[in-house]
Amino acid sequence: MVTTIGYLDGLTAAGIIISSVLFGLFSFYKARKLEAKLLAVAGFVMVFVGCFYLGPTCDFLSLLITGNNLNPPELYVYLSYVWVAPTIITAMYLGSELMIPEKKWVIVGFFIVLGVIFEIFLFLFTSDTFIYPLEPAEPGQIIDSKYNRTSVGFILVAVFLGAALIFLGIGFFIKARQATGELRKKFTYLSIGFFVFVVCAALDSIIDVIAIIGIVRCVMMTFALWMYLGLKT
C-alpha cells in the first residue's frame, strides 16, 4: 500500500516527466515546422530533465502495481541519474551556441569528458557514490537515494550544477541585460528556466521534508515552459 507521502513523492515526479516530455515533443514539432535547430536541442534538454524523475516515478508505479519497491533498488539510481550527462552536454551545447558559438566544441567537449567520467562512477562505483542501503523510510514510500558527499559522482554533479548556474543561468541573464526588445525577453526566459532547474535540482537532492519537495517539484514543472518560451521563434 502506498502511503500519503509516497503518493506525493510519486505524483510530483510523474508530473515533471509529463510536463517535460509534452513541452519537449511540442518543441520538436515546432522545430521541424520552423526549421529551428536550437528549439529541437532545447526539446532534448526538456526531455532529459524530465527523465531525472524516472526513478521515483517507476518506483511509485511498482508500489501501485506490485506493492513492492523496485528490485534491485539500484534500478532507481540508474533510471534517475543516467540522464545527468546527456542533460549537461545538450544544455551546454545550447548555451554555447547562443552565447559563444566559436568556443562551442571546446565547452561541449570538456563536458563530454566529465559526463563520461560521471557515468563510469555511476555504474561501476554505485555503492561508493550513494549512501547504502537504498531503501524507503518506511513501507509504502518511494526509495530515497542520497549521494555520498565525498564521492567523485557527487563532486561532478556539484560541478555540473555550478556550471549550469553560472554559464547558463547568469550567462543568459547578462545577455538579457545587454539585449533589447524581444531578444531581451527571450534571454530572460532562458535565464529563469536554468535558475529554476539548478535551484530545484539542488533542493530536491538535499531536502528531506516531502511537503517542501512537493513545492520544489511543482516549480520544476515550469522549467520546460520557460525553455520553450525562450526559443519558440
Protein backbone atom coordinates (compact mmCIF):
# COMPACT_ATOMS: atom_id res chain seq x y z
CA MET A 1 0.00 0.00 0.00
CA VAL A 2 1.32 3.42 -0.96
CA THR A 3 1.43 5.98 1.84
CA THR A 4 0.30 9.60 1.50
CA ILE A 5 3.95 10.64 1.36
CA GLY A 6 4.54 8.01 -1.31
CA TYR A 7 1.69 9.41 -3.41
CA LEU A 8 3.01 12.97 -3.08
CA ASP A 9 6.52 11.85 -3.98
CA GLY A 10 5.44 9.71 -6.93
CA LEU A 11 2.81 12.01 -8.41
CA THR A 12 5.03 15.12 -8.34
CA ALA A 13 7.84 13.14 -10.03
CA ALA A 14 5.40 11.90 -12.67
CA GLY A 15 4.14 15.46 -13.16
CA ILE A 16 7.64 16.68 -14.03
CA ILE A 17 8.09 13.87 -16.55
CA ILE A 18 4.73 14.57 -18.19
CA SER A 19 5.26 18.35 -18.43
CA SER A 20 8.82 18.00 -19.70
CA VAL A 21 8.00 15.36 -22.30
CA LEU A 22 4.93 17.25 -23.56
CA PHE A 23 6.85 20.50 -23.99
CA GLY A 24 9.79 18.59 -25.44
CA LEU A 25 7.63 16.87 -28.07
CA PHE A 26 5.91 20.15 -28.90
CA SER A 27 9.33 21.77 -29.27
CA PHE A 28 10.38 19.03 -31.70
CA TYR A 29 7.22 19.63 -33.72
CA LYS A 30 7.73 23.40 -33.80
CA ALA A 31 11.44 23.00 -34.58
CA ARG A 32 10.68 20.83 -37.60
CA LYS A 33 7.96 23.21 -38.77
CA LEU A 34 10.11 26.33 -38.34
CA GLU A 35 13.46 24.66 -39.14
CA ALA A 36 14.72 25.91 -35.78
CA LYS A 37 17.63 23.66 -34.73
CA LEU A 38 18.11 25.17 -31.29
CA LEU A 39 14.46 24.64 -30.38
CA ALA A 40 14.99 20.94 -31.11
CA VAL A 41 18.08 20.94 -28.88
CA ALA A 42 16.02 22.61 -26.16
CA GLY A 43 13.43 19.85 -26.62
CA PHE A 44 16.09 17.26 -25.82
CA VAL A 45 17.12 19.21 -22.72
CA MET A 46 13.48 19.31 -21.56
CA VAL A 47 13.01 15.56 -22.04
CA PHE A 48 16.33 14.71 -20.36
CA VAL A 49 15.49 16.86 -17.33
CA GLY A 50 12.11 15.14 -17.05
CA CYS A 51 13.83 11.75 -17.16
CA PHE A 52 15.70 12.65 -13.96
CA TYR A 53 12.47 11.61 -12.26
CA LEU A 54 12.09 8.19 -13.89
CA GLY A 55 13.44 6.56 -10.72
CA PRO A 56 10.77 7.82 -8.31
CA THR A 57 8.05 7.51 -10.97
CA CYS A 58 8.88 3.87 -11.77
CA ASP A 59 9.22 3.07 -8.07
CA PHE A 60 5.81 4.65 -7.49
CA LEU A 61 4.28 2.56 -10.29
CA SER A 62 5.95 -0.56 -8.88
CA LEU A 63 4.39 0.13 -5.49
CA LEU A 64 0.97 0.67 -7.07
CA ILE A 65 1.09 -2.46 -9.24
CA THR A 66 3.05 -4.96 -7.14
CA GLY A 67 3.05 -3.44 -3.66
CA ASN A 68 6.86 -3.54 -3.61
CA ASN A 69 9.64 -1.08 -4.37
CA LEU A 70 11.94 -1.55 -7.37
CA ASN A 71 14.21 -4.56 -7.02
CA PRO A 72 17.14 -4.31 -7.09
CA PRO A 73 16.94 -0.75 -5.68
CA GLU A 74 19.93 0.25 -7.84
CA LEU A 75 17.42 0.45 -10.70
CA TYR A 76 16.09 3.62 -9.07
CA VAL A 77 19.56 5.15 -9.17
CA TYR A 78 20.28 4.16 -12.76
CA LEU A 79 16.89 5.29 -14.07
CA SER A 80 17.29 8.70 -12.44
CA TYR A 81 20.95 9.58 -12.82
CA VAL A 82 21.91 8.11 -16.20
CA TRP A 83 20.39 11.30 -17.64
CA VAL A 84 22.80 13.66 -15.88
CA ALA A 85 25.48 13.56 -18.58
CA PRO A 86 23.11 13.90 -21.58
CA THR A 87 21.41 16.85 -19.89
CA ILE A 88 24.53 18.85 -19.10
CA ILE A 89 26.07 18.14 -22.53
CA THR A 90 23.00 19.24 -24.51
CA ALA A 91 22.42 22.22 -22.19
CA MET A 92 26.00 23.40 -22.66
CA TYR A 93 25.69 22.95 -26.41
CA LEU A 94 22.58 25.12 -26.37
CA GLY A 95 24.15 27.80 -24.18
CA SER A 96 27.43 27.98 -26.06
CA GLU A 97 25.66 28.10 -29.43
CA LEU A 98 23.64 31.08 -28.26
CA MET A 99 26.40 32.95 -26.43
CA ILE A 100 29.88 31.97 -27.68
CA PRO A 101 29.46 29.72 -30.75
CA GLU A 102 33.16 29.98 -31.64
CA LYS A 103 34.02 28.14 -28.38
CA LYS A 104 31.13 25.70 -28.64
CA TRP A 105 33.03 22.46 -29.18
CA VAL A 106 35.68 23.29 -26.59
CA ILE A 107 32.97 23.70 -23.97
CA VAL A 108 30.91 20.74 -25.12
CA GLY A 109 33.99 18.51 -25.41
CA PHE A 110 35.02 19.34 -21.84
CA PHE A 111 31.60 18.35 -20.50
CA ILE A 112 31.51 15.19 -22.62
CA VAL A 113 34.68 14.06 -20.86
CA LEU A 114 33.24 14.90 -17.42
CA GLY A 115 29.96 13.26 -18.36
CA VAL A 116 31.66 10.00 -19.34
CA ILE A 117 33.58 10.01 -16.04
CA PHE A 118 30.31 10.53 -14.14
CA GLU A 119 28.61 7.64 -15.94
CA ILE A 120 31.55 5.36 -15.16
CA PHE A 121 31.29 6.14 -11.45
CA LEU A 122 27.51 5.82 -11.56
CA PHE A 123 27.55 2.27 -12.94
CA LEU A 124 30.86 0.86 -11.68
CA PHE A 125 31.08 2.55 -8.28
CA THR A 126 27.42 2.86 -7.33
CA SER A 127 27.98 1.81 -3.72
CA ASP A 128 30.67 4.48 -3.33
CA THR A 129 28.57 7.21 -4.98
CA PHE A 130 25.39 6.68 -2.94
CA ILE A 131 24.71 6.05 0.72
CA TYR A 132 23.59 2.47 1.34
CA PRO A 133 21.23 0.81 1.99
CA LEU A 134 18.96 2.22 -0.71
CA GLU A 135 15.55 1.84 0.86
CA PRO A 136 12.46 3.92 1.67
CA ALA A 137 11.99 5.49 5.09
CA GLU A 138 9.08 3.11 5.69
CA PRO A 139 6.99 0.61 3.68
CA GLY A 140 4.79 2.26 1.07
CA GLN A 141 7.18 5.13 0.42
CA ILE A 142 9.49 5.83 -2.52
CA ILE A 143 13.15 4.77 -2.39
CA ASP A 144 15.34 7.56 -1.03
CA SER A 145 18.75 7.80 -2.72
CA LYS A 146 21.29 10.11 -1.12
CA TYR A 147 24.68 11.00 -2.55
CA ASN A 148 27.83 10.23 -0.63
CA ARG A 149 29.08 13.83 -0.48
CA THR A 150 32.72 12.77 -0.54
CA SER A 151 32.30 10.72 -3.74
CA VAL A 152 33.54 11.67 -7.19
CA GLY A 153 29.98 11.36 -8.50
CA PHE A 154 28.67 13.97 -6.08
CA ILE A 155 31.56 16.32 -6.83
CA LEU A 156 30.84 16.05 -10.56
CA VAL A 157 27.13 16.74 -10.05
CA ALA A 158 28.07 19.82 -7.99
CA VAL A 159 30.35 20.93 -10.85
CA PHE A 160 27.56 20.38 -13.39
CA LEU A 161 25.01 22.36 -11.38
CA GLY A 162 27.50 25.14 -10.66
CA ALA A 163 28.44 25.38 -14.33
CA ALA A 164 24.77 25.45 -15.37
CA LEU A 165 24.04 28.18 -12.83
CA ILE A 166 26.99 30.38 -13.85
CA PHE A 167 27.20 29.78 -17.59
CA LEU A 168 23.51 29.32 -18.38
CA GLY A 169 21.53 30.99 -15.60
CA ILE A 170 23.77 34.00 -15.03
CA GLY A 171 25.12 33.98 -18.60
CA PHE A 172 21.66 34.30 -20.14
CA PHE A 173 20.78 36.96 -17.56
CA ILE A 174 23.79 39.05 -18.64
CA LYS A 175 22.83 38.57 -22.30
CA ALA A 176 19.32 39.73 -21.45
CA ARG A 177 20.68 42.90 -19.82
CA GLN A 178 22.72 43.60 -22.95
CA ALA A 179 19.86 42.98 -25.39
CA THR A 180 16.67 44.92 -26.09
CA GLY A 181 13.10 44.19 -27.12
CA GLU A 182 12.02 40.64 -27.92
CA LEU A 183 15.56 39.26 -27.69
CA ARG A 184 15.91 40.56 -24.15
CA LYS A 185 12.67 38.84 -23.19
CA LYS A 186 13.82 35.52 -24.66
CA PHE A 187 17.18 35.55 -22.87
CA THR A 188 15.32 36.38 -19.66
CA TYR A 189 13.05 33.35 -20.09
CA LEU A 190 16.08 31.10 -20.66
CA SER A 191 17.81 32.53 -17.59
CA ILE A 192 14.75 31.90 -15.43
CA GLY A 193 14.49 28.36 -16.81
CA PHE A 194 18.03 27.42 -15.88
CA PHE A 195 17.79 29.09 -12.47
CA VAL A 196 14.66 27.00 -11.85
CA PHE A 197 16.45 23.84 -12.98
CA VAL A 198 19.59 24.31 -10.88
CA VAL A 199 17.89 25.52 -7.69
CA CYS A 200 15.13 22.91 -7.78
CA ALA A 201 17.51 20.05 -8.64
CA ALA A 202 19.79 21.03 -5.76
CA LEU A 203 16.95 21.41 -3.26
CA ASP A 204 15.35 18.12 -4.33
CA SER A 205 18.57 16.28 -3.53
CA ILE A 206 19.20 17.77 -0.08
CA ILE A 207 15.72 18.38 1.43
CA ASP A 208 14.08 15.53 3.35
CA VAL A 209 10.69 17.13 4.11
CA ILE A 210 8.41 15.71 1.42
CA ALA A 211 5.90 18.59 1.61
CA ILE A 212 8.67 21.04 0.71
CA ILE A 213 9.93 18.70 -2.01
CA GLY A 214 6.41 18.72 -3.44
CA ILE A 215 6.53 22.51 -3.73
CA VAL A 216 10.02 22.38 -5.24
CA ARG A 217 8.86 19.88 -7.87
CA CYS A 218 5.82 21.96 -8.75
CA VAL A 219 8.22 24.82 -9.52
CA MET A 220 10.43 22.42 -11.50
CA MET A 221 7.42 21.62 -13.70
CA THR A 222 7.71 25.16 -15.11
CA PHE A 223 11.28 24.60 -16.38
CA ALA A 224 10.21 23.29 -19.78
CA LEU A 225 7.76 26.18 -20.20
CA TRP A 226 10.50 28.79 -19.68
CA MET A 227 12.74 26.96 -22.13
CA TYR A 228 10.02 26.83 -24.75
CA LEU A 229 9.14 30.49 -24.33
CA GLY A 230 12.79 31.44 -24.79
CA LEU A 231 13.23 29.57 -28.06
CA LYS A 232 9.80 29.17 -29.64
CA THR A 233 10.65 31.57 -32.50
